N, C-alpha and C. Protein backbone atom coordinates (compact mmCIF):
# COMPACT_ATOMS: atom_id res chain seq x y z
N MET A 1 40.54 -10.76 14.68
CA MET A 1 39.59 -10.00 15.48
C MET A 1 39.55 -8.54 15.04
N LYS A 2 40.70 -7.94 14.86
CA LYS A 2 40.77 -6.54 14.46
C LYS A 2 40.20 -6.35 13.06
N GLN A 3 40.43 -7.35 12.19
CA GLN A 3 39.92 -7.25 10.83
C GLN A 3 38.40 -7.28 10.80
N SER A 4 37.80 -8.17 11.60
CA SER A 4 36.34 -8.27 11.63
C SER A 4 35.72 -7.00 12.23
N LEU A 5 36.39 -6.40 13.20
CA LEU A 5 35.91 -5.15 13.78
C LEU A 5 36.00 -4.02 12.75
N LEU A 6 37.08 -4.01 11.99
CA LEU A 6 37.24 -3.01 10.95
C LEU A 6 36.18 -3.16 9.87
N VAL A 7 35.90 -4.40 9.47
CA VAL A 7 34.86 -4.65 8.47
C VAL A 7 33.50 -4.21 9.00
N ALA A 8 33.21 -4.52 10.26
CA ALA A 8 31.93 -4.13 10.87
C ALA A 8 31.78 -2.61 10.89
N LEU A 9 32.84 -1.91 11.24
CA LEU A 9 32.79 -0.45 11.26
C LEU A 9 32.62 0.12 9.86
N LEU A 10 33.26 -0.50 8.88
CA LEU A 10 33.12 -0.06 7.49
C LEU A 10 31.68 -0.24 7.00
N VAL A 11 31.09 -1.39 7.29
CA VAL A 11 29.69 -1.67 6.91
C VAL A 11 28.76 -0.67 7.58
N LEU A 12 29.00 -0.40 8.86
CA LEU A 12 28.17 0.56 9.58
C LEU A 12 28.28 1.96 8.97
N ALA A 13 29.47 2.35 8.59
CA ALA A 13 29.67 3.67 7.98
C ALA A 13 28.95 3.77 6.65
N VAL A 14 28.99 2.71 5.84
CA VAL A 14 28.31 2.71 4.55
C VAL A 14 26.81 2.80 4.75
N HIS A 15 26.27 2.03 5.70
CA HIS A 15 24.83 2.08 5.98
C HIS A 15 24.40 3.47 6.44
N CYS A 16 25.19 4.12 7.26
CA CYS A 16 24.85 5.46 7.74
C CYS A 16 24.82 6.45 6.57
N THR A 17 25.76 6.30 5.65
CA THR A 17 25.81 7.19 4.49
C THR A 17 24.56 7.00 3.63
N ILE A 18 24.18 5.76 3.38
CA ILE A 18 22.98 5.47 2.58
C ILE A 18 21.74 6.01 3.30
N TYR A 19 21.66 5.78 4.60
CA TYR A 19 20.52 6.26 5.38
C TYR A 19 20.41 7.78 5.29
N ASP A 20 21.54 8.46 5.46
CA ASP A 20 21.53 9.92 5.40
C ASP A 20 21.05 10.41 4.05
N LYS A 21 21.50 9.76 2.99
CA LYS A 21 21.10 10.17 1.64
C LYS A 21 19.59 9.99 1.45
N LEU A 22 19.07 8.83 1.86
CA LEU A 22 17.64 8.56 1.71
C LEU A 22 16.81 9.47 2.61
N TYR A 23 17.29 9.71 3.82
CA TYR A 23 16.57 10.60 4.74
C TYR A 23 16.49 12.01 4.15
N ASP A 24 17.61 12.49 3.63
CA ASP A 24 17.61 13.83 3.05
C ASP A 24 16.65 13.94 1.88
N GLU A 25 16.61 12.89 1.04
CA GLU A 25 15.70 12.90 -0.10
C GLU A 25 14.24 12.90 0.36
N ALA A 26 13.92 12.07 1.34
CA ALA A 26 12.55 12.01 1.87
C ALA A 26 12.17 13.34 2.53
N PHE A 27 13.12 13.94 3.22
CA PHE A 27 12.85 15.22 3.87
C PHE A 27 12.52 16.30 2.84
N LYS A 28 13.27 16.32 1.74
CA LYS A 28 13.02 17.30 0.68
C LYS A 28 11.63 17.11 0.07
N ILE A 29 11.27 15.85 -0.14
CA ILE A 29 9.95 15.55 -0.72
C ILE A 29 8.84 16.01 0.21
N THR A 30 8.95 15.69 1.49
CA THR A 30 7.89 16.07 2.42
C THR A 30 7.84 17.58 2.64
N GLN A 31 8.95 18.25 2.54
CA GLN A 31 8.94 19.71 2.66
C GLN A 31 8.19 20.35 1.51
N ALA A 32 8.21 19.72 0.34
CA ALA A 32 7.53 20.28 -0.84
C ALA A 32 6.04 19.95 -0.87
N MET A 33 5.58 19.05 0.00
CA MET A 33 4.19 18.63 0.01
C MET A 33 3.33 19.60 0.81
N THR A 34 2.07 19.73 0.38
CA THR A 34 1.10 20.50 1.15
C THR A 34 0.61 19.65 2.32
N ILE A 35 -0.06 20.27 3.26
CA ILE A 35 -0.60 19.52 4.39
C ILE A 35 -1.65 18.51 3.93
N ASP A 36 -2.45 18.88 2.92
CA ASP A 36 -3.44 17.95 2.38
C ASP A 36 -2.78 16.72 1.75
N GLN A 37 -1.67 16.92 1.07
CA GLN A 37 -0.95 15.80 0.48
C GLN A 37 -0.37 14.90 1.56
N LYS A 38 0.15 15.47 2.63
CA LYS A 38 0.71 14.68 3.73
C LYS A 38 -0.39 13.86 4.40
N ILE A 39 -1.53 14.48 4.62
CA ILE A 39 -2.65 13.76 5.24
C ILE A 39 -3.11 12.63 4.33
N GLY A 40 -3.25 12.90 3.04
CA GLY A 40 -3.68 11.88 2.09
C GLY A 40 -2.75 10.69 2.04
N GLN A 41 -1.45 10.92 2.20
CA GLN A 41 -0.49 9.83 2.16
C GLN A 41 -0.58 8.94 3.40
N THR A 42 -1.14 9.46 4.48
CA THR A 42 -1.24 8.66 5.70
C THR A 42 -2.58 7.95 5.84
N ILE A 43 -3.54 8.29 5.00
CA ILE A 43 -4.87 7.68 5.08
C ILE A 43 -4.93 6.47 4.17
N GLN A 44 -5.47 5.38 4.69
CA GLN A 44 -5.70 4.19 3.87
C GLN A 44 -7.20 3.93 3.84
N VAL A 45 -7.80 4.14 2.70
CA VAL A 45 -9.24 3.91 2.57
C VAL A 45 -9.48 2.54 1.96
N ASP A 46 -10.65 2.00 2.23
CA ASP A 46 -11.03 0.72 1.64
C ASP A 46 -11.42 0.93 0.18
N PHE A 47 -11.16 -0.04 -0.63
CA PHE A 47 -11.47 0.01 -2.06
C PHE A 47 -12.93 0.34 -2.29
N GLN A 48 -13.81 -0.16 -1.43
CA GLN A 48 -15.25 0.08 -1.58
C GLN A 48 -15.58 1.57 -1.52
N ALA A 49 -14.77 2.35 -0.80
CA ALA A 49 -15.02 3.78 -0.69
C ALA A 49 -14.79 4.49 -2.02
N LEU A 50 -14.01 3.91 -2.90
CA LEU A 50 -13.72 4.51 -4.20
C LEU A 50 -14.56 3.90 -5.32
N ALA A 51 -15.33 2.87 -4.98
CA ALA A 51 -16.09 2.17 -6.01
C ALA A 51 -17.50 2.72 -6.08
N GLY A 52 -17.94 3.02 -7.30
CA GLY A 52 -19.31 3.44 -7.53
C GLY A 52 -20.16 2.22 -7.83
N LYS A 53 -21.35 2.43 -8.38
CA LYS A 53 -22.22 1.30 -8.70
C LYS A 53 -21.63 0.40 -9.78
N ASN A 54 -21.06 1.01 -10.81
CA ASN A 54 -20.59 0.22 -11.94
C ASN A 54 -19.09 0.30 -12.19
N SER A 55 -18.41 1.20 -11.51
CA SER A 55 -16.98 1.34 -11.78
C SER A 55 -16.28 2.00 -10.61
N THR A 56 -14.98 2.00 -10.68
CA THR A 56 -14.15 2.64 -9.67
C THR A 56 -13.92 4.09 -10.06
N ASP A 57 -14.07 4.98 -9.11
CA ASP A 57 -13.84 6.40 -9.36
C ASP A 57 -12.39 6.74 -8.99
N GLN A 58 -11.50 6.60 -9.96
CA GLN A 58 -10.08 6.83 -9.72
C GLN A 58 -9.77 8.28 -9.40
N SER A 59 -10.61 9.18 -9.81
CA SER A 59 -10.35 10.60 -9.55
C SER A 59 -10.36 10.90 -8.05
N LEU A 60 -11.06 10.10 -7.26
CA LEU A 60 -11.09 10.33 -5.81
C LEU A 60 -9.71 10.09 -5.19
N ALA A 61 -9.00 9.09 -5.69
CA ALA A 61 -7.65 8.82 -5.18
C ALA A 61 -6.73 9.99 -5.47
N LEU A 62 -6.89 10.59 -6.62
CA LEU A 62 -6.08 11.77 -6.96
C LEU A 62 -6.52 12.99 -6.17
N LYS A 63 -7.83 13.14 -6.02
CA LYS A 63 -8.38 14.30 -5.32
C LYS A 63 -7.89 14.36 -3.87
N TYR A 64 -7.84 13.19 -3.22
CA TYR A 64 -7.46 13.13 -1.81
C TYR A 64 -6.01 12.74 -1.59
N PHE A 65 -5.21 12.66 -2.67
CA PHE A 65 -3.77 12.37 -2.59
C PHE A 65 -3.47 11.06 -1.87
N LEU A 66 -4.28 10.03 -2.12
CA LEU A 66 -4.13 8.76 -1.42
C LEU A 66 -2.85 8.05 -1.85
N GLY A 67 -2.12 7.55 -0.86
CA GLY A 67 -0.90 6.82 -1.14
C GLY A 67 -1.12 5.34 -1.27
N SER A 68 -2.23 4.85 -0.70
CA SER A 68 -2.54 3.42 -0.80
C SER A 68 -4.04 3.22 -0.62
N VAL A 69 -4.51 2.09 -1.13
CA VAL A 69 -5.91 1.73 -1.02
C VAL A 69 -5.97 0.28 -0.53
N LEU A 70 -6.79 0.03 0.46
CA LEU A 70 -6.93 -1.32 1.01
C LEU A 70 -8.04 -2.07 0.31
N ILE A 71 -7.82 -3.36 0.12
CA ILE A 71 -8.89 -4.23 -0.36
C ILE A 71 -9.32 -5.04 0.86
N GLY A 72 -10.56 -4.84 1.28
CA GLY A 72 -11.02 -5.33 2.57
C GLY A 72 -11.22 -6.82 2.73
N GLY A 73 -11.02 -7.62 1.74
CA GLY A 73 -11.15 -9.06 1.91
C GLY A 73 -12.46 -9.61 1.41
N ASP A 74 -13.45 -8.75 1.16
CA ASP A 74 -14.72 -9.24 0.66
C ASP A 74 -14.83 -9.06 -0.85
N GLY A 75 -13.74 -8.67 -1.48
CA GLY A 75 -13.74 -8.51 -2.92
C GLY A 75 -12.33 -8.33 -3.44
N VAL A 76 -12.19 -8.42 -4.74
CA VAL A 76 -10.91 -8.24 -5.40
C VAL A 76 -11.12 -7.39 -6.65
N PRO A 77 -10.11 -6.65 -7.07
CA PRO A 77 -10.29 -5.87 -8.30
C PRO A 77 -10.18 -6.77 -9.53
N ASP A 78 -10.99 -6.48 -10.54
CA ASP A 78 -10.88 -7.22 -11.80
C ASP A 78 -9.87 -6.51 -12.70
N ALA A 79 -9.75 -6.96 -13.94
CA ALA A 79 -8.77 -6.40 -14.87
C ALA A 79 -9.01 -4.92 -15.15
N ASN A 80 -10.23 -4.44 -14.97
CA ASN A 80 -10.57 -3.04 -15.21
C ASN A 80 -10.46 -2.18 -13.95
N GLY A 81 -10.07 -2.79 -12.82
CA GLY A 81 -9.96 -2.05 -11.58
C GLY A 81 -11.26 -1.95 -10.81
N ASN A 82 -12.27 -2.68 -11.24
CA ASN A 82 -13.55 -2.68 -10.53
C ASN A 82 -13.59 -3.83 -9.54
N ILE A 83 -14.34 -3.63 -8.45
CA ILE A 83 -14.41 -4.65 -7.41
C ILE A 83 -15.31 -5.79 -7.83
N VAL A 84 -14.87 -7.00 -7.58
CA VAL A 84 -15.66 -8.19 -7.79
C VAL A 84 -15.81 -8.83 -6.41
N GLU A 85 -17.04 -8.88 -5.93
CA GLU A 85 -17.26 -9.40 -4.59
C GLU A 85 -17.06 -10.90 -4.55
N LEU A 86 -16.42 -11.35 -3.49
CA LEU A 86 -16.24 -12.78 -3.27
C LEU A 86 -17.49 -13.32 -2.58
N PRO A 87 -17.78 -14.60 -2.78
CA PRO A 87 -18.95 -15.15 -2.09
C PRO A 87 -18.73 -15.13 -0.58
N VAL A 88 -19.82 -15.02 0.17
CA VAL A 88 -19.71 -15.06 1.63
C VAL A 88 -19.24 -16.44 2.06
N GLN A 89 -18.74 -16.54 3.27
CA GLN A 89 -18.13 -17.78 3.75
C GLN A 89 -19.08 -18.98 3.63
N GLU A 90 -20.36 -18.81 3.94
CA GLU A 90 -21.31 -19.92 3.84
C GLU A 90 -21.43 -20.41 2.41
N ASP A 91 -21.43 -19.48 1.45
CA ASP A 91 -21.50 -19.86 0.04
C ASP A 91 -20.25 -20.60 -0.39
N LYS A 92 -19.08 -20.19 0.13
CA LYS A 92 -17.84 -20.87 -0.20
C LYS A 92 -17.89 -22.32 0.28
N ILE A 93 -18.41 -22.52 1.48
CA ILE A 93 -18.51 -23.87 2.04
C ILE A 93 -19.45 -24.71 1.18
N LYS A 94 -20.58 -24.14 0.75
CA LYS A 94 -21.51 -24.86 -0.10
C LYS A 94 -20.85 -25.22 -1.43
N LEU A 95 -20.10 -24.30 -2.01
CA LEU A 95 -19.42 -24.57 -3.28
C LEU A 95 -18.38 -25.68 -3.12
N ILE A 96 -17.65 -25.66 -2.04
CA ILE A 96 -16.66 -26.70 -1.81
C ILE A 96 -17.35 -28.05 -1.66
N TYR A 97 -18.45 -28.09 -0.91
CA TYR A 97 -19.18 -29.34 -0.69
C TYR A 97 -19.75 -29.86 -2.01
N LEU A 98 -20.35 -28.98 -2.81
CA LEU A 98 -20.97 -29.40 -4.05
C LEU A 98 -19.94 -29.83 -5.10
N ASN A 99 -18.80 -29.13 -5.13
CA ASN A 99 -17.77 -29.45 -6.11
C ASN A 99 -16.84 -30.59 -5.65
N GLY A 100 -16.88 -30.89 -4.39
CA GLY A 100 -16.04 -31.96 -3.88
C GLY A 100 -14.57 -31.57 -3.76
N THR A 101 -14.28 -30.27 -3.78
CA THR A 101 -12.89 -29.84 -3.66
C THR A 101 -12.69 -28.94 -2.46
């Protein structure tokens, strides 16, 4: 019983040390960021907002300091990073019916 309690306390102490180290590192990073960078990291825009008529405008992600971009479910990026729209649900059903799969 005493050994398992000692092991549990040791594990807890190690986790606290790791947490403190990571917290301190994250704190230093956020202290060095501008308010615009902090806001950009919290905003998640849809991929369509960055897509132009023929290509994706990657400079917008840099301009607004975006930390992530959402793909809304109606399209997927191709190998070049451009959106490829998926067929609407009715078209999917027709394709399944016609293909038999």
